[in-house]
Amino acid sequence: MVEKAGRIINPAAENRTVPGCTVSKQIYHKNGLGLFIFSLASGTDISAESYSYHKLWIVYEGEMTVHTTDDRKENLSAGQCFITPVDVPIGIQADEDSIYMEIELPKDAGMNSVLKVGKTFNLAELLPYQEGRIVNMDLLNDEKMKFVIMSFDAGTGLAEHAAPGEAFVLALNGKAVIRYEGRPHEIHAGEIFKFDKMGRHAVEADDRFKMALLLILK
C-alpha cells in the first residue's frame, strides 16, 4: 500500500504493536527507494542481515537495541536515528513496544559528513534555530532523491511552490501549518505529510519548527 498525498500520517498512532509480533507496512517503494513503518512488540527482534546499501531508521516510539554479529550494540529511543553500515550483518531488538520508520537509501547517495554510519544520532539536533531565519542542511542526495532538514524560526515560512517529485515531510520538533492544494493541515512533531509531484504547497511556522524533507526525483 502506498500512502496518498494530502493527509497527516501519524506512524505511532496508526501502526500499533501486536503482542509477540513484528509488523511492517510499506508506505512507498519505487526505483530502489523504499519507506516502511515497523512495529515491534516488546521482546521481538529482526535478525541480523546485511545489505549493499544504507538504511535510515527513525524511531517514533519505544526503546530498541541495534546489534551486529560481532557483538557491537547501540541503543535507540524515541526521536533517535541510525544509519546501517553496508555489507555488515545488523539486527534490531525491541526492549519495549517500539515503532520506527525505515528508509532504504539509493546505493550511491552522497552523504553529509555530519552523519555517522553505525552511530545513534538525533535529526533535530543536527542544526540550530536562527532568529528570523530558515536554516537548511542537505544530508543525503543523488539523482534519485534528496534528504534535507530545515529549522524555521517563529513567524517564518515557505511561500507556495511545487516540487519536481513526490515528497514526504517528517515533522521533527514543534508544529506548523502545511497548506497543500489550498487546504491547511496542522502538523506536529512525529507526524508525516506527503506531497504528489508538482503538488502546490506552503509551510507556515507560527512557532519554532523543525522538519526533514525527503524529495524523490526519479
N, C-alpha and C. Protein backbone atom coordinates (compact mmCIF):
# COMPACT_ATOMS: atom_id res chain seq x y z
N MET A 1 0.84 -1.20 0.00
CA MET A 1 0.00 0.00 0.00
C MET A 1 0.88 1.25 0.00
N VAL A 2 0.59 2.21 -0.84
CA VAL A 2 1.32 3.46 -0.89
C VAL A 2 0.43 4.56 -0.31
N GLU A 3 0.98 5.37 0.58
CA GLU A 3 0.21 6.42 1.21
C GLU A 3 -0.23 7.47 0.19
N LYS A 4 -1.46 7.96 0.35
CA LYS A 4 -1.97 9.02 -0.52
C LYS A 4 -1.47 10.37 -0.04
N ALA A 5 -1.33 11.30 -0.97
CA ALA A 5 -0.90 12.65 -0.64
C ALA A 5 -2.05 13.43 0.00
N GLY A 6 -1.68 14.49 0.76
CA GLY A 6 -2.67 15.42 1.24
C GLY A 6 -3.31 15.10 2.57
N ARG A 7 -2.68 14.22 3.39
CA ARG A 7 -3.23 13.96 4.72
C ARG A 7 -2.09 13.80 5.71
N ILE A 8 -2.39 14.09 6.98
CA ILE A 8 -1.43 13.89 8.06
C ILE A 8 -1.34 12.40 8.37
N ILE A 9 -0.11 11.89 8.42
CA ILE A 9 0.14 10.50 8.77
C ILE A 9 0.79 10.48 10.16
N ASN A 10 0.24 9.68 11.06
CA ASN A 10 0.79 9.54 12.41
C ASN A 10 1.30 8.10 12.56
N PRO A 11 2.60 7.86 12.32
CA PRO A 11 3.11 6.48 12.31
C PRO A 11 2.85 5.73 13.61
N ALA A 12 3.02 6.40 14.76
CA ALA A 12 2.85 5.71 16.04
C ALA A 12 1.40 5.35 16.29
N ALA A 13 0.47 6.28 16.02
CA ALA A 13 -0.95 6.03 16.28
C ALA A 13 -1.56 5.04 15.30
N GLU A 14 -1.06 5.03 14.07
CA GLU A 14 -1.68 4.21 13.02
C GLU A 14 -1.05 2.83 12.88
N ASN A 15 0.02 2.55 13.64
CA ASN A 15 0.73 1.28 13.49
C ASN A 15 1.05 0.69 14.86
N ARG A 16 0.01 0.42 15.64
CA ARG A 16 0.21 -0.09 16.98
C ARG A 16 0.82 -1.49 16.94
N THR A 17 1.58 -1.82 17.97
CA THR A 17 2.21 -3.13 18.04
C THR A 17 1.18 -4.23 18.31
N VAL A 18 1.53 -5.45 17.91
CA VAL A 18 0.73 -6.65 18.17
C VAL A 18 1.56 -7.54 19.10
N PRO A 19 1.04 -7.92 20.27
CA PRO A 19 1.84 -8.69 21.22
C PRO A 19 2.51 -9.91 20.57
N GLY A 20 3.82 -10.03 20.80
CA GLY A 20 4.58 -11.16 20.30
C GLY A 20 4.91 -11.13 18.83
N CYS A 21 4.59 -10.02 18.16
CA CYS A 21 4.75 -9.98 16.70
C CYS A 21 5.59 -8.79 16.25
N THR A 22 6.15 -8.91 15.06
CA THR A 22 6.70 -7.77 14.33
C THR A 22 5.80 -7.53 13.13
N VAL A 23 5.50 -6.27 12.87
CA VAL A 23 4.58 -5.90 11.78
C VAL A 23 5.26 -4.84 10.93
N SER A 24 5.17 -4.96 9.61
CA SER A 24 5.73 -3.95 8.72
C SER A 24 4.67 -3.48 7.74
N LYS A 25 4.77 -2.21 7.37
CA LYS A 25 3.86 -1.61 6.40
C LYS A 25 4.66 -0.79 5.40
N GLN A 26 4.52 -1.10 4.13
CA GLN A 26 5.19 -0.32 3.09
C GLN A 26 4.36 0.91 2.79
N ILE A 27 4.99 2.09 2.84
CA ILE A 27 4.26 3.31 2.51
C ILE A 27 4.76 3.93 1.20
N TYR A 28 5.91 3.41 0.71
CA TYR A 28 6.39 3.88 -0.60
C TYR A 28 7.49 2.94 -1.06
N HIS A 29 7.51 2.62 -2.36
CA HIS A 29 8.62 1.87 -2.93
C HIS A 29 8.65 2.07 -4.43
N LYS A 30 9.75 2.66 -4.90
CA LYS A 30 9.87 2.91 -6.33
C LYS A 30 11.34 3.19 -6.66
N ASN A 31 11.83 2.59 -7.73
CA ASN A 31 13.18 2.86 -8.24
C ASN A 31 14.27 2.76 -7.17
N GLY A 32 14.17 1.73 -6.34
CA GLY A 32 15.21 1.49 -5.35
C GLY A 32 15.12 2.31 -4.09
N LEU A 33 14.07 3.11 -3.94
CA LEU A 33 13.87 3.91 -2.72
C LEU A 33 12.61 3.43 -2.02
N GLY A 34 12.75 2.96 -0.79
CA GLY A 34 11.60 2.42 -0.07
C GLY A 34 11.42 3.05 1.29
N LEU A 35 10.15 3.20 1.71
CA LEU A 35 9.81 3.67 3.05
C LEU A 35 8.88 2.65 3.68
N PHE A 36 9.20 2.26 4.91
CA PHE A 36 8.41 1.27 5.64
C PHE A 36 8.23 1.73 7.08
N ILE A 37 7.11 1.33 7.68
CA ILE A 37 6.89 1.51 9.12
C ILE A 37 6.93 0.13 9.76
N PHE A 38 7.76 -0.02 10.80
CA PHE A 38 7.86 -1.27 11.54
C PHE A 38 7.32 -1.08 12.95
N SER A 39 6.54 -2.06 13.40
CA SER A 39 6.03 -2.10 14.77
C SER A 39 6.52 -3.39 15.41
N LEU A 40 7.37 -3.27 16.43
CA LEU A 40 7.96 -4.42 17.09
C LEU A 40 7.47 -4.50 18.53
N ALA A 41 6.79 -5.59 18.85
CA ALA A 41 6.34 -5.78 20.24
C ALA A 41 7.55 -6.05 21.13
N SER A 42 7.42 -5.71 22.39
CA SER A 42 8.50 -5.92 23.36
C SER A 42 9.01 -7.35 23.31
N GLY A 43 10.34 -7.51 23.22
CA GLY A 43 10.95 -8.83 23.21
C GLY A 43 11.10 -9.45 21.84
N THR A 44 10.53 -8.82 20.82
CA THR A 44 10.69 -9.35 19.45
C THR A 44 11.92 -8.72 18.80
N ASP A 45 12.33 -9.31 17.68
CA ASP A 45 13.51 -8.79 17.01
C ASP A 45 13.46 -9.09 15.51
N ILE A 46 14.31 -8.37 14.79
CA ILE A 46 14.58 -8.67 13.39
C ILE A 46 16.03 -9.13 13.32
N SER A 47 16.24 -10.35 12.87
CA SER A 47 17.57 -10.95 12.93
C SER A 47 18.55 -10.21 12.03
N ALA A 48 19.83 -10.37 12.34
CA ALA A 48 20.88 -9.64 11.64
C ALA A 48 20.94 -10.03 10.17
N GLU A 49 20.91 -9.02 9.31
CA GLU A 49 21.01 -9.19 7.86
C GLU A 49 21.92 -8.09 7.32
N SER A 50 22.58 -8.37 6.20
CA SER A 50 23.44 -7.36 5.59
C SER A 50 22.86 -6.93 4.25
N TYR A 51 23.14 -5.68 3.87
CA TYR A 51 22.63 -5.11 2.62
C TYR A 51 23.75 -4.34 1.93
N SER A 52 23.62 -4.18 0.62
CA SER A 52 24.63 -3.48 -0.17
C SER A 52 24.36 -1.98 -0.23
N TYR A 53 23.39 -1.51 0.57
CA TYR A 53 23.04 -0.10 0.63
C TYR A 53 22.72 0.26 2.08
N HIS A 54 22.68 1.56 2.36
CA HIS A 54 22.36 2.03 3.71
C HIS A 54 20.85 2.06 3.93
N LYS A 55 20.46 1.90 5.19
CA LYS A 55 19.09 2.13 5.63
C LYS A 55 19.12 3.17 6.75
N LEU A 56 18.15 4.08 6.73
CA LEU A 56 17.99 5.06 7.80
C LEU A 56 16.80 4.65 8.65
N TRP A 57 17.05 4.46 9.94
CA TRP A 57 15.98 4.14 10.88
C TRP A 57 15.67 5.36 11.73
N ILE A 58 14.39 5.71 11.83
CA ILE A 58 13.93 6.85 12.63
C ILE A 58 12.91 6.33 13.63
N VAL A 59 13.20 6.46 14.93
CA VAL A 59 12.36 5.85 15.96
C VAL A 59 11.27 6.83 16.40
N TYR A 60 10.03 6.37 16.39
CA TYR A 60 8.89 7.19 16.82
C TYR A 60 8.46 6.86 18.24
N GLU A 61 8.67 5.64 18.67
CA GLU A 61 8.19 5.24 19.99
C GLU A 61 8.99 4.03 20.46
N GLY A 62 9.30 4.00 21.76
CA GLY A 62 9.88 2.80 22.34
C GLY A 62 11.38 2.87 22.57
N GLU A 63 11.94 1.69 22.90
CA GLU A 63 13.37 1.51 23.15
C GLU A 63 13.82 0.25 22.42
N MET A 64 14.92 0.36 21.66
CA MET A 64 15.42 -0.77 20.89
C MET A 64 16.93 -0.87 21.04
N THR A 65 17.46 -2.05 20.74
CA THR A 65 18.90 -2.27 20.71
C THR A 65 19.29 -2.75 19.32
N VAL A 66 20.21 -2.02 18.70
CA VAL A 66 20.77 -2.42 17.41
C VAL A 66 22.01 -3.26 17.69
N HIS A 67 22.15 -4.40 17.01
CA HIS A 67 23.28 -5.29 17.29
C HIS A 67 23.85 -5.87 16.00
N THR A 68 25.15 -6.12 16.02
CA THR A 68 25.82 -6.76 14.89
C THR A 68 26.26 -8.16 15.32
N THR A 69 26.69 -8.96 14.34
CA THR A 69 27.09 -10.33 14.64
C THR A 69 28.41 -10.39 15.39
N ASP A 70 29.15 -9.27 15.47
CA ASP A 70 30.39 -9.26 16.26
C ASP A 70 30.19 -8.56 17.61
N ASP A 71 28.90 -8.53 18.06
CA ASP A 71 28.53 -8.07 19.41
C ASP A 71 28.67 -6.57 19.64
N ARG A 72 28.71 -5.75 18.60
CA ARG A 72 28.60 -4.31 18.78
C ARG A 72 27.15 -3.95 18.99
N LYS A 73 26.87 -2.97 19.89
CA LYS A 73 25.49 -2.61 20.21
C LYS A 73 25.33 -1.10 20.27
N GLU A 74 24.14 -0.63 19.88
CA GLU A 74 23.75 0.77 20.02
C GLU A 74 22.31 0.79 20.52
N ASN A 75 22.02 1.66 21.47
CA ASN A 75 20.66 1.80 21.98
C ASN A 75 19.94 2.92 21.23
N LEU A 76 18.67 2.69 20.91
CA LEU A 76 17.85 3.66 20.19
C LEU A 76 16.57 3.89 20.96
N SER A 77 16.19 5.17 21.10
CA SER A 77 14.92 5.51 21.75
C SER A 77 14.17 6.52 20.89
N ALA A 78 12.96 6.87 21.32
CA ALA A 78 12.10 7.77 20.54
C ALA A 78 12.85 9.06 20.20
N GLY A 79 12.79 9.46 18.92
CA GLY A 79 13.44 10.67 18.45
C GLY A 79 14.83 10.44 17.90
N GLN A 80 15.37 9.25 18.10
CA GLN A 80 16.72 8.98 17.64
C GLN A 80 16.74 8.25 16.29
N CYS A 81 17.91 8.28 15.65
CA CYS A 81 18.07 7.70 14.31
C CYS A 81 19.33 6.87 14.25
N PHE A 82 19.42 6.06 13.19
CA PHE A 82 20.58 5.18 12.99
C PHE A 82 20.68 4.87 11.51
N ILE A 83 21.91 4.94 10.97
CA ILE A 83 22.16 4.56 9.58
C ILE A 83 22.94 3.25 9.58
N THR A 84 22.41 2.23 8.94
CA THR A 84 23.07 0.93 8.93
C THR A 84 24.30 0.95 8.03
N PRO A 85 25.36 0.27 8.43
CA PRO A 85 26.52 0.14 7.56
C PRO A 85 26.23 -0.79 6.39
N VAL A 86 27.05 -0.70 5.37
CA VAL A 86 26.90 -1.54 4.17
C VAL A 86 27.64 -2.86 4.38
N ASP A 87 27.01 -3.96 3.95
CA ASP A 87 27.61 -5.29 3.94
C ASP A 87 28.07 -5.75 5.33
N VAL A 88 27.37 -5.32 6.36
CA VAL A 88 27.62 -5.76 7.74
C VAL A 88 26.32 -6.31 8.30
N PRO A 89 26.28 -7.58 8.75
CA PRO A 89 25.04 -8.12 9.31
C PRO A 89 24.62 -7.33 10.55
N ILE A 90 23.40 -6.82 10.53
CA ILE A 90 22.93 -5.98 11.64
C ILE A 90 21.46 -6.26 11.89
N GLY A 91 21.09 -6.36 13.16
CA GLY A 91 19.71 -6.63 13.53
C GLY A 91 19.22 -5.64 14.56
N ILE A 92 17.96 -5.80 14.96
CA ILE A 92 17.36 -4.86 15.90
C ILE A 92 16.39 -5.61 16.82
N GLN A 93 16.44 -5.30 18.11
CA GLN A 93 15.58 -5.94 19.10
C GLN A 93 14.80 -4.89 19.87
N ALA A 94 13.52 -5.15 20.09
CA ALA A 94 12.66 -4.23 20.83
C ALA A 94 12.75 -4.55 22.32
N ASP A 95 13.28 -3.59 23.08
CA ASP A 95 13.34 -3.75 24.54
C ASP A 95 12.00 -3.41 25.18
N GLU A 96 11.19 -2.64 24.46
CA GLU A 96 9.79 -2.40 24.80
C GLU A 96 9.05 -2.18 23.49
N ASP A 97 7.72 -2.10 23.53
CA ASP A 97 6.96 -1.88 22.30
C ASP A 97 7.54 -0.68 21.55
N SER A 98 7.87 -0.88 20.27
CA SER A 98 8.59 0.14 19.52
C SER A 98 8.05 0.28 18.10
N ILE A 99 8.12 1.52 17.59
CA ILE A 99 7.65 1.82 16.24
C ILE A 99 8.70 2.71 15.58
N TYR A 100 9.11 2.34 14.37
CA TYR A 100 10.11 3.14 13.68
C TYR A 100 9.89 3.11 12.17
N MET A 101 10.44 4.12 11.51
CA MET A 101 10.43 4.19 10.04
C MET A 101 11.77 3.70 9.51
N GLU A 102 11.72 2.99 8.41
CA GLU A 102 12.94 2.59 7.70
C GLU A 102 12.91 3.20 6.30
N ILE A 103 13.98 3.92 5.95
CA ILE A 103 14.12 4.48 4.61
C ILE A 103 15.28 3.77 3.94
N GLU A 104 15.00 3.04 2.85
CA GLU A 104 16.05 2.41 2.07
C GLU A 104 16.67 3.47 1.17
N LEU A 105 17.98 3.65 1.27
CA LEU A 105 18.64 4.73 0.55
C LEU A 105 19.31 4.20 -0.72
N PRO A 106 19.29 5.01 -1.79
CA PRO A 106 20.00 4.59 -3.01
C PRO A 106 21.45 4.27 -2.70
N LYS A 107 21.99 3.27 -3.37
CA LYS A 107 23.32 2.74 -3.06
C LYS A 107 24.40 3.81 -3.08
N ASP A 108 24.33 4.72 -4.03
CA ASP A 108 25.40 5.70 -4.21
C ASP A 108 25.03 7.10 -3.73
N ALA A 109 24.07 7.21 -2.83
CA ALA A 109 23.66 8.53 -2.35
C ALA A 109 24.81 9.23 -1.63
N GLY A 110 25.04 10.51 -1.99
CA GLY A 110 26.06 11.28 -1.29
C GLY A 110 25.60 11.60 0.11
N MET A 111 26.50 11.51 1.09
CA MET A 111 26.13 11.66 2.50
C MET A 111 26.93 12.78 3.15
N ASN A 112 26.24 13.69 3.84
CA ASN A 112 26.88 14.76 4.58
C ASN A 112 27.77 14.17 5.69
N SER A 113 28.93 14.78 5.90
CA SER A 113 29.89 14.25 6.88
C SER A 113 29.38 14.33 8.32
N VAL A 114 28.30 15.09 8.57
CA VAL A 114 27.76 15.14 9.94
C VAL A 114 27.08 13.83 10.32
N LEU A 115 26.73 13.01 9.31
CA LEU A 115 26.10 11.73 9.57
C LEU A 115 27.16 10.68 9.83
N LYS A 116 27.04 9.94 10.91
CA LYS A 116 27.99 8.91 11.27
C LYS A 116 27.31 7.55 11.17
N VAL A 117 27.70 6.78 10.19
CA VAL A 117 27.12 5.45 9.97
C VAL A 117 27.42 4.56 11.18
N GLY A 118 26.39 3.84 11.64
CA GLY A 118 26.57 2.91 12.75
C GLY A 118 26.54 3.55 14.12
N LYS A 119 26.16 4.85 14.21
CA LYS A 119 26.09 5.55 15.48
C LYS A 119 24.72 6.20 15.66
N THR A 120 24.21 6.18 16.88
CA THR A 120 22.94 6.81 17.19
C THR A 120 23.06 8.33 17.09
N PHE A 121 22.04 8.98 16.52
CA PHE A 121 22.01 10.45 16.47
C PHE A 121 20.57 10.93 16.45
N ASN A 122 20.39 12.24 16.60
CA ASN A 122 19.07 12.85 16.60
C ASN A 122 19.00 13.86 15.46
N LEU A 123 18.10 13.66 14.51
CA LEU A 123 17.99 14.55 13.35
C LEU A 123 17.78 16.00 13.76
N ALA A 124 16.87 16.22 14.71
CA ALA A 124 16.51 17.59 15.08
C ALA A 124 17.67 18.35 15.71
N GLU A 125 18.65 17.62 16.24
CA GLU A 125 19.77 18.28 16.91
C GLU A 125 20.93 18.59 15.96
N LEU A 126 20.79 18.25 14.68
CA LEU A 126 21.88 18.46 13.73
C LEU A 126 21.97 19.91 13.26
N LEU A 127 20.92 20.68 13.42
CA LEU A 127 21.00 22.08 13.02
C LEU A 127 20.26 22.96 14.02
N PRO A 128 20.67 24.24 14.14
CA PRO A 128 20.09 25.13 15.14
C PRO A 128 18.92 25.92 14.58
N TYR A 129 18.25 26.63 15.46
CA TYR A 129 17.35 27.71 15.05
C TYR A 129 18.19 29.00 14.94
N GLN A 130 17.78 29.89 14.05
CA GLN A 130 18.35 31.22 14.00
C GLN A 130 17.23 32.24 13.94
N GLU A 131 17.39 33.32 14.69
CA GLU A 131 16.33 34.32 14.82
C GLU A 131 15.95 34.89 13.46
N GLY A 132 14.64 34.80 13.15
CA GLY A 132 14.10 35.38 11.93
C GLY A 132 14.49 34.67 10.65
N ARG A 133 15.05 33.44 10.77
CA ARG A 133 15.59 32.78 9.59
C ARG A 133 15.10 31.33 9.46
N ILE A 134 15.24 30.81 8.25
CA ILE A 134 15.07 29.39 7.96
C ILE A 134 16.46 28.83 7.67
N VAL A 135 16.83 27.74 8.35
CA VAL A 135 18.14 27.11 8.17
C VAL A 135 17.95 25.76 7.49
N ASN A 136 18.71 25.51 6.42
CA ASN A 136 18.63 24.25 5.67
C ASN A 136 19.95 23.50 5.78
N MET A 137 19.88 22.17 5.80
CA MET A 137 21.08 21.35 5.69
C MET A 137 20.78 20.12 4.82
N ASP A 138 21.50 19.96 3.72
CA ASP A 138 21.38 18.76 2.88
C ASP A 138 22.12 17.62 3.57
N LEU A 139 21.43 16.50 3.78
CA LEU A 139 22.05 15.35 4.43
C LEU A 139 22.41 14.25 3.45
N LEU A 140 21.53 14.00 2.49
CA LEU A 140 21.74 12.93 1.51
C LEU A 140 21.23 13.40 0.16
N ASN A 141 21.94 13.04 -0.90
CA ASN A 141 21.42 13.37 -2.22
C ASN A 141 22.10 12.55 -3.31
N ASP A 142 21.34 12.26 -4.34
CA ASP A 142 21.84 11.71 -5.59
C ASP A 142 20.79 12.04 -6.66
N GLU A 143 20.92 11.45 -7.83
CA GLU A 143 19.99 11.80 -8.91
C GLU A 143 18.57 11.33 -8.64
N LYS A 144 18.39 10.42 -7.69
CA LYS A 144 17.07 9.87 -7.40
C LYS A 144 16.35 10.57 -6.26
N MET A 145 17.11 11.15 -5.35
CA MET A 145 16.48 11.68 -4.14
C MET A 145 17.33 12.76 -3.49
N LYS A 146 16.68 13.48 -2.55
CA LYS A 146 17.36 14.46 -1.72
C LYS A 146 16.70 14.43 -0.35
N PHE A 147 17.54 14.42 0.70
CA PHE A 147 17.03 14.40 2.06
C PHE A 147 17.61 15.60 2.79
N VAL A 148 16.74 16.49 3.26
CA VAL A 148 17.13 17.78 3.80
C VAL A 148 16.46 17.96 5.17
N ILE A 149 17.16 18.62 6.11
CA ILE A 149 16.50 19.05 7.34
C ILE A 149 16.45 20.57 7.36
N MET A 150 15.40 21.11 7.99
CA MET A 150 15.17 22.55 7.99
C MET A 150 14.67 22.98 9.36
N SER A 151 15.13 24.16 9.81
CA SER A 151 14.57 24.76 11.01
C SER A 151 13.94 26.11 10.64
N PHE A 152 12.77 26.38 11.20
CA PHE A 152 12.02 27.61 10.96
C PHE A 152 11.90 28.37 12.27
N ASP A 153 12.34 29.61 12.30
CA ASP A 153 12.07 30.43 13.47
C ASP A 153 10.59 30.82 13.45
N ALA A 154 10.05 31.18 14.61
CA ALA A 154 8.65 31.60 14.68
C ALA A 154 8.38 32.75 13.71
N GLY A 155 7.29 32.62 12.97
CA GLY A 155 6.91 33.66 12.03
C GLY A 155 7.50 33.54 10.65
N THR A 156 8.31 32.51 10.41
CA THR A 156 8.88 32.30 9.08
C THR A 156 8.09 31.22 8.34
N GLY A 157 8.39 31.03 7.08
CA GLY A 157 7.69 30.02 6.29
C GLY A 157 8.15 30.01 4.85
N LEU A 158 7.60 29.10 4.09
CA LEU A 158 7.89 28.97 2.67
C LEU A 158 6.65 29.34 1.88
N ALA A 159 6.81 30.21 0.90
CA ALA A 159 5.69 30.59 0.04
C ALA A 159 5.26 29.41 -0.81
N GLU A 160 4.05 29.46 -1.30
CA GLU A 160 3.52 28.36 -2.11
C GLU A 160 4.41 28.08 -3.30
N HIS A 161 4.70 26.79 -3.50
CA HIS A 161 5.54 26.36 -4.61
C HIS A 161 5.20 24.90 -4.91
N ALA A 162 5.82 24.35 -5.94
CA ALA A 162 5.63 22.95 -6.31
C ALA A 162 6.99 22.30 -6.49
N ALA A 163 7.11 21.04 -6.07
CA ALA A 163 8.38 20.31 -6.17
C ALA A 163 8.36 19.41 -7.41
N PRO A 164 9.55 19.11 -7.95
CA PRO A 164 9.62 18.32 -9.18
C PRO A 164 9.45 16.82 -8.97
N GLY A 165 9.13 16.40 -7.75
CA GLY A 165 8.91 14.98 -7.48
C GLY A 165 8.03 14.79 -6.27
N GLU A 166 7.65 13.55 -6.01
CA GLU A 166 6.92 13.24 -4.78
C GLU A 166 7.79 13.58 -3.58
N ALA A 167 7.17 13.91 -2.44
CA ALA A 167 7.94 14.31 -1.27
C ALA A 167 7.21 13.93 0.01
N PHE A 168 8.01 13.66 1.05
CA PHE A 168 7.50 13.41 2.39
C PHE A 168 8.11 14.43 3.35
N VAL A 169 7.26 15.10 4.13
CA VAL A 169 7.72 15.97 5.21
C VAL A 169 7.62 15.18 6.51
N LEU A 170 8.72 15.13 7.28
CA LEU A 170 8.75 14.48 8.57
C LEU A 170 8.92 15.57 9.63
N ALA A 171 7.89 15.83 10.42
CA ALA A 171 7.96 16.86 11.46
C ALA A 171 8.81 16.35 12.61
N LEU A 172 9.85 17.13 12.97
CA LEU A 172 10.81 16.71 13.99
C LEU A 172 10.64 17.41 15.32
N ASN A 173 10.21 18.68 15.29
CA ASN A 173 10.13 19.46 16.52
C ASN A 173 9.10 20.57 16.33
N GLY A 174 8.24 20.77 17.32
CA GLY A 174 7.25 21.85 17.23
C GLY A 174 6.08 21.51 16.33
N LYS A 175 5.46 22.54 15.79
CA LYS A 175 4.31 22.37 14.91
C LYS A 175 4.32 23.47 13.86
N ALA A 176 3.58 23.22 12.77
CA ALA A 176 3.46 24.21 11.69
C ALA A 176 2.19 23.90 10.92
N VAL A 177 1.85 24.79 10.00
CA VAL A 177 0.73 24.56 9.09
C VAL A 177 1.28 24.33 7.69
N ILE A 178 0.89 23.21 7.09
CA ILE A 178 1.21 22.95 5.70
C ILE A 178 -0.05 23.22 4.89
N ARG A 179 0.07 24.11 3.93
CA ARG A 179 -1.04 24.35 3.01
C ARG A 179 -0.76 23.56 1.74
N TYR A 180 -1.67 22.64 1.45
CA TYR A 180 -1.49 21.75 0.30
C TYR A 180 -2.70 21.85 -0.61
N GLU A 181 -2.46 22.26 -1.83
CA GLU A 181 -3.54 22.45 -2.81
C GLU A 181 -4.67 23.30 -2.21
N GLY A 182 -4.27 24.35 -1.47
CA GLY A 182 -5.22 25.32 -0.95
C GLY A 182 -5.83 24.99 0.39
N ARG A 183 -5.53 23.79 0.95
CA ARG A 183 -6.13 23.39 2.23
C ARG A 183 -5.08 23.36 3.33
N PRO A 184 -5.39 23.90 4.54
CA PRO A 184 -4.42 23.90 5.64
C PRO A 184 -4.44 22.57 6.41
N HIS A 185 -3.25 22.14 6.85
CA HIS A 185 -3.10 20.93 7.65
C HIS A 185 -2.09 21.23 8.75
N GLU A 186 -2.49 21.15 10.01
CA GLU A 186 -1.55 21.39 11.11
C GLU A 186 -0.77 20.11 11.38
N ILE A 187 0.57 20.21 11.34
CA ILE A 187 1.42 19.05 11.54
C ILE A 187 2.25 19.24 12.80
N HIS A 188 2.40 18.15 13.57
CA HIS A 188 3.13 18.18 14.84
C HIS A 188 4.30 17.21 14.78
N ALA A 189 5.26 17.40 15.68
CA ALA A 189 6.41 16.51 15.76
C ALA A 189 5.95 15.06 15.82
N GLY A 190 6.58 14.20 15.03
CA GLY A 190 6.23 12.79 14.99
C GLY A 190 5.26 12.44 13.89
N GLU A 191 4.77 13.44 13.15
CA GLU A 191 3.83 13.19 12.06
C GLU A 191 4.50 13.39 10.71
N ILE A 192 3.83 12.89 9.66
CA ILE A 192 4.37 12.90 8.29
C ILE A 192 3.30 13.45 7.37
N PHE A 193 3.73 14.11 6.30
CA PHE A 193 2.80 14.60 5.28
C PHE A 193 3.42 14.31 3.92
N LYS A 194 2.61 13.83 2.98
CA LYS A 194 3.10 13.51 1.64
C LYS A 194 2.56 14.49 0.61
N PHE A 195 3.44 14.91 -0.32
CA PHE A 195 3.04 15.70 -1.49
C PHE A 195 3.14 14.84 -2.74
N ASP A 196 2.25 15.03 -3.66
CA ASP A 196 2.42 14.47 -5.00
C ASP A 196 3.38 15.34 -5.81
N LYS A 197 3.93 14.78 -6.85
CA LYS A 197 4.77 15.56 -7.76
C LYS A 197 3.99 16.77 -8.27
N MET A 198 4.60 17.95 -8.17
CA MET A 198 4.02 19.22 -8.60
C MET A 198 2.80 19.64 -7.78
N GLY A 199 2.58 18.98 -6.63
CA GLY A 199 1.51 19.42 -5.73
C GLY A 199 1.89 20.75 -5.10
N ARG A 200 1.02 21.72 -5.16
CA ARG A 200 1.34 23.06 -4.66
C ARG A 200 1.18 23.10 -3.14
N HIS A 201 2.23 23.64 -2.48
CA HIS A 201 2.22 23.62 -1.01
C HIS A 201 3.01 24.80 -0.46
N ALA A 202 2.73 25.11 0.80
CA ALA A 202 3.44 26.16 1.53
C ALA A 202 3.59 25.69 2.98
N VAL A 203 4.56 26.31 3.69
CA VAL A 203 4.77 26.00 5.10
C VAL A 203 4.72 27.29 5.89
N GLU A 204 3.92 27.30 6.99
CA GLU A 204 3.79 28.47 7.85
C GLU A 204 4.10 28.06 9.28
N ALA A 205 5.13 28.68 9.87
CA ALA A 205 5.54 28.34 11.24
C ALA A 205 5.26 29.51 12.17
N ASP A 206 4.15 29.45 12.89
CA ASP A 206 3.85 30.49 13.88
C ASP A 206 4.78 30.37 15.08
N ASP A 207 5.20 29.15 15.38
CA ASP A 207 6.17 28.88 16.44
C ASP A 207 7.39 28.22 15.81
N ARG A 208 8.43 28.03 16.59
CA ARG A 208 9.62 27.36 16.05
C ARG A 208 9.29 25.93 15.63
N PHE A 209 9.89 25.51 14.51
CA PHE A 209 9.52 24.23 13.89
C PHE A 209 10.73 23.66 13.16
N LYS A 210 10.93 22.35 13.30
CA LYS A 210 11.96 21.65 12.52
C LYS A 210 11.33 20.49 11.77
N MET A 211 11.85 20.24 10.56
CA MET A 211 11.32 19.16 9.75
C MET A 211 12.43 18.58 8.89
N ALA A 212 12.21 17.34 8.42
CA ALA A 212 13.03 16.73 7.38
C ALA A 212 12.18 16.63 6.13
N LEU A 213 12.81 16.76 4.98
CA LEU A 213 12.12 16.66 3.70
C LEU A 213 12.83 15.60 2.86
N LEU A 214 12.08 14.56 2.48
CA LEU A 214 12.57 13.56 1.54
C LEU A 214 11.94 13.84 0.19
N LEU A 215 12.74 14.29 -0.76
CA LEU A 215 12.26 14.60 -2.10
C LEU A 215 12.71 13.50 -3.05
N ILE A 216 11.76 12.91 -3.73
CA ILE A 216 12.04 11.78 -4.63
C ILE A 216 12.03 12.32 -6.06
N LEU A 217 13.18 12.26 -6.71
CA LEU A 217 13.34 12.91 -8.00
C LEU A 217 13.12 11.96 -9.19
N LYS A 218 13.32 10.66 -8.98
CA LYS A 218 13.12 9.68 -10.05
C LYS A 218 12.45 8.43 -9.50
